[in-house]
Amino acid sequence: MLRRVRETAPVGLVPAAWTVVTLAHLGTVTEETLLIAHVVMDVLLLAFAALSWSDMTEGALRAWRTVLVAGFVFTLTGTYGLAAGGPTTVLAVTVYAWMLLPAAALFYTGQLVPPEDGPRIYTSGAILSAVGAVLYLGTYVGADVATVGGLALVGVGQTAGIVNAAVQ
């Protein structure tokens, strides 16, 4: 049962995380709520990495293990930034890390999987994540549409990849 949870839980967690990030940018989620979400993500990432470590030693799964480890470090940094009232630059780096690390792993996965496993879904997810990251740059010129649009593209791209992985 634990294995099945590890394989399917990200299908809900990935879009939930991007929804919380988007709501935070829109001012709907408080910094305290965002801090709690970060702590929960820290715990889940650590648990997932620890429980899945030996299953993720080759190929695309090895790339995703790297994403988990690096993502944990970036999320922990974001948690510290929120708890310490640090500069928004720390949070921006955390967001960009979670946009671009999975984008790279999605692209890599798309290159490795056979045609019957939907490589285009992974590659498309990578492209959406990368385009979303570029669009998200609009955040820094005050373009709310670019912010929400960028986050939405990243969320859709990464969700498509994780749903495909769970189905395979």
Protein backbone atom coordinates (compact mmCIF):
# COMPACT_ATOMS: atom_id res chain seq x y z
CA MET A 1 0.00 0.00 0.00
CA LEU A 2 2.82 2.42 0.87
CA ARG A 3 4.33 1.91 -2.58
CA ARG A 4 1.00 2.77 -4.23
CA VAL A 5 0.72 5.93 -2.14
CA ARG A 6 4.24 6.96 -3.19
CA GLU A 7 3.32 6.36 -6.83
CA THR A 8 0.01 8.22 -6.80
CA ALA A 9 0.16 10.89 -4.07
CA PRO A 10 2.16 13.32 -6.24
CA VAL A 11 -0.79 13.39 -8.67
CA GLY A 12 -2.65 15.43 -6.06
CA LEU A 13 0.30 17.08 -4.33
CA VAL A 14 1.85 18.69 -7.42
CA PRO A 15 -1.25 20.65 -8.50
CA ALA A 16 -2.04 21.43 -4.85
CA ALA A 17 1.41 22.95 -4.36
CA TRP A 18 1.12 25.12 -7.47
CA THR A 19 -2.38 26.18 -6.43
CA VAL A 20 -1.08 27.34 -3.04
CA VAL A 21 1.78 29.22 -4.71
CA THR A 22 -0.64 30.93 -7.10
CA LEU A 23 -3.03 31.85 -4.29
CA ALA A 24 -0.11 33.26 -2.30
CA HIS A 25 0.82 35.47 -5.23
CA LEU A 26 -2.78 36.67 -5.43
CA GLY A 27 -2.76 37.51 -1.72
CA THR A 28 -5.34 34.86 -0.84
CA VAL A 29 -2.92 32.76 1.22
CA THR A 30 -1.13 34.38 4.15
CA GLU A 31 2.59 34.05 4.78
CA GLU A 32 1.77 31.93 7.83
CA THR A 33 -0.24 29.51 5.68
CA LEU A 34 2.57 29.46 3.13
CA LEU A 35 5.06 28.69 5.91
CA ILE A 36 2.90 25.78 7.09
CA ALA A 37 2.67 24.52 3.50
CA HIS A 38 6.46 24.69 3.22
CA VAL A 39 6.95 22.71 6.42
CA VAL A 40 4.50 20.07 5.17
CA MET A 41 6.36 19.94 1.83
CA ASP A 42 9.71 19.62 3.65
CA VAL A 43 8.43 16.62 5.60
CA LEU A 44 6.79 14.99 2.58
CA LEU A 45 9.83 15.48 0.35
CA LEU A 46 12.16 14.05 2.97
CA ALA A 47 9.87 11.08 3.61
CA PHE A 48 9.35 10.43 -0.09
CA ALA A 49 13.08 10.60 -0.82
CA ALA A 50 13.94 8.33 2.09
CA LEU A 51 11.27 5.75 1.27
CA SER A 52 11.94 5.77 -2.47
CA TRP A 53 15.73 6.17 -2.51
CA SER A 54 16.60 2.60 -3.46
CA ASP A 55 13.89 2.50 -6.14
CA MET A 56 15.30 5.58 -7.88
CA THR A 57 18.79 4.51 -8.90
CA GLU A 58 18.63 4.41 -12.70
CA GLY A 59 17.39 6.30 -15.72
CA ALA A 60 14.57 8.79 -15.36
CA LEU A 61 13.98 7.85 -11.73
CA ARG A 62 17.57 8.81 -10.93
CA ALA A 63 16.90 12.24 -12.44
CA TRP A 64 13.76 12.55 -10.31
CA ARG A 65 15.72 11.56 -7.22
CA THR A 66 18.05 14.46 -7.97
CA VAL A 67 15.02 16.74 -8.28
CA LEU A 68 13.77 15.52 -4.89
CA VAL A 69 17.09 16.14 -3.16
CA ALA A 70 17.73 19.54 -4.74
CA GLY A 71 14.07 20.48 -4.35
CA PHE A 72 14.19 19.56 -0.66
CA VAL A 73 17.17 21.89 -0.17
CA PHE A 74 15.40 24.73 -2.01
CA THR A 75 12.14 24.14 -0.14
CA LEU A 76 13.97 24.08 3.18
CA THR A 77 15.64 27.36 2.19
CA GLY A 78 12.21 28.80 1.36
CA THR A 79 10.91 27.60 4.73
CA TYR A 80 13.78 29.35 6.47
CA GLY A 81 13.17 32.49 4.42
CA LEU A 82 9.50 32.56 5.39
CA ALA A 83 10.19 31.81 9.07
CA ALA A 84 12.93 34.43 9.32
CA GLY A 85 11.06 37.04 7.32
CA GLY A 86 13.91 36.96 4.83
CA PRO A 87 14.09 38.69 1.48
CA THR A 88 11.62 37.78 -1.24
CA THR A 89 14.62 36.84 -3.37
CA VAL A 90 14.93 33.63 -1.35
CA LEU A 91 11.32 32.73 -2.12
CA ALA A 92 11.75 33.62 -5.79
CA VAL A 93 14.73 31.28 -6.02
CA THR A 94 12.64 28.53 -4.41
CA VAL A 95 9.82 29.04 -6.92
CA TYR A 96 12.19 29.08 -9.89
CA ALA A 97 13.95 25.95 -8.63
CA TRP A 98 10.61 24.13 -8.55
CA MET A 99 9.79 25.41 -12.03
CA LEU A 100 13.08 24.48 -13.67
CA LEU A 101 14.30 21.35 -11.86
CA PRO A 102 11.17 19.36 -12.79
CA ALA A 103 11.24 20.89 -16.29
CA ALA A 104 14.71 19.42 -16.83
CA ALA A 105 13.66 16.04 -15.42
CA LEU A 106 10.47 16.01 -17.50
CA PHE A 107 12.49 16.70 -20.64
CA TYR A 108 15.02 14.00 -19.74
CA THR A 109 12.23 11.53 -18.99
CA GLY A 110 10.65 12.29 -22.36
CA GLN A 111 13.92 11.34 -24.04
CA LEU A 112 14.19 8.03 -22.20
CA VAL A 113 10.74 6.48 -22.15
CA PRO A 114 9.48 4.31 -25.02
CA PRO A 115 6.71 5.62 -27.31
CA GLU A 116 4.02 3.63 -25.50
CA ASP A 117 4.81 5.50 -22.25
CA GLY A 118 3.92 8.91 -23.66
CA PRO A 119 7.24 10.70 -24.11
CA ARG A 120 5.48 13.70 -25.68
CA ILE A 121 3.55 14.24 -22.47
CA TYR A 122 6.80 14.57 -20.53
CA THR A 123 8.40 16.78 -23.17
CA SER A 124 5.30 18.96 -23.38
CA GLY A 125 5.26 19.24 -19.60
CA ALA A 126 8.88 20.37 -19.70
CA ILE A 127 8.12 22.99 -22.33
CA LEU A 128 5.09 24.29 -20.42
CA SER A 129 7.18 24.53 -17.25
CA ALA A 130 9.98 26.40 -19.02
CA VAL A 131 7.58 28.78 -20.79
CA GLY A 132 5.78 29.28 -17.48
CA ALA A 133 9.08 30.19 -15.82
CA VAL A 134 9.79 32.79 -18.51
CA LEU A 135 6.26 34.17 -18.27
CA TYR A 136 6.60 34.31 -14.49
CA LEU A 137 9.35 36.90 -14.98
CA GLY A 138 6.44 39.29 -15.51
CA THR A 139 6.01 39.16 -11.73
CA TYR A 140 8.93 41.54 -11.42
CA VAL A 141 7.34 44.19 -13.62
CA GLY A 142 4.01 43.98 -11.84
CA ALA A 143 2.15 41.91 -14.43
CA ASP A 144 -0.34 39.81 -12.45
CA VAL A 145 -1.55 38.09 -15.62
CA ALA A 146 1.99 36.95 -16.37
CA THR A 147 2.45 35.74 -12.81
CA VAL A 148 -0.74 33.69 -12.73
CA GLY A 149 -0.30 32.55 -16.34
CA GLY A 150 3.27 31.43 -15.70
CA LEU A 151 2.32 29.54 -12.55
CA ALA A 152 -0.65 27.95 -14.33
CA LEU A 153 1.52 26.72 -17.21
CA VAL A 154 4.04 25.24 -14.79
CA GLY A 155 1.28 23.58 -12.79
CA VAL A 156 -0.40 22.11 -15.86
CA GLY A 157 2.89 20.92 -17.37
CA GLN A 158 4.14 19.26 -14.21
CA THR A 159 0.75 17.76 -13.39
CA ALA A 160 0.52 16.24 -16.87
CA GLY A 161 3.91 14.60 -16.37
CA ILE A 162 3.14 13.19 -12.93
CA VAL A 163 -0.30 11.94 -13.98
CA ASN A 164 1.27 10.16 -16.95
CA ALA A 165 3.92 8.63 -14.69
CA ALA A 166 1.29 7.40 -12.24
CA VAL A 167 -0.76 5.85 -15.03
CA GLN A 168 2.23 3.99 -16.56
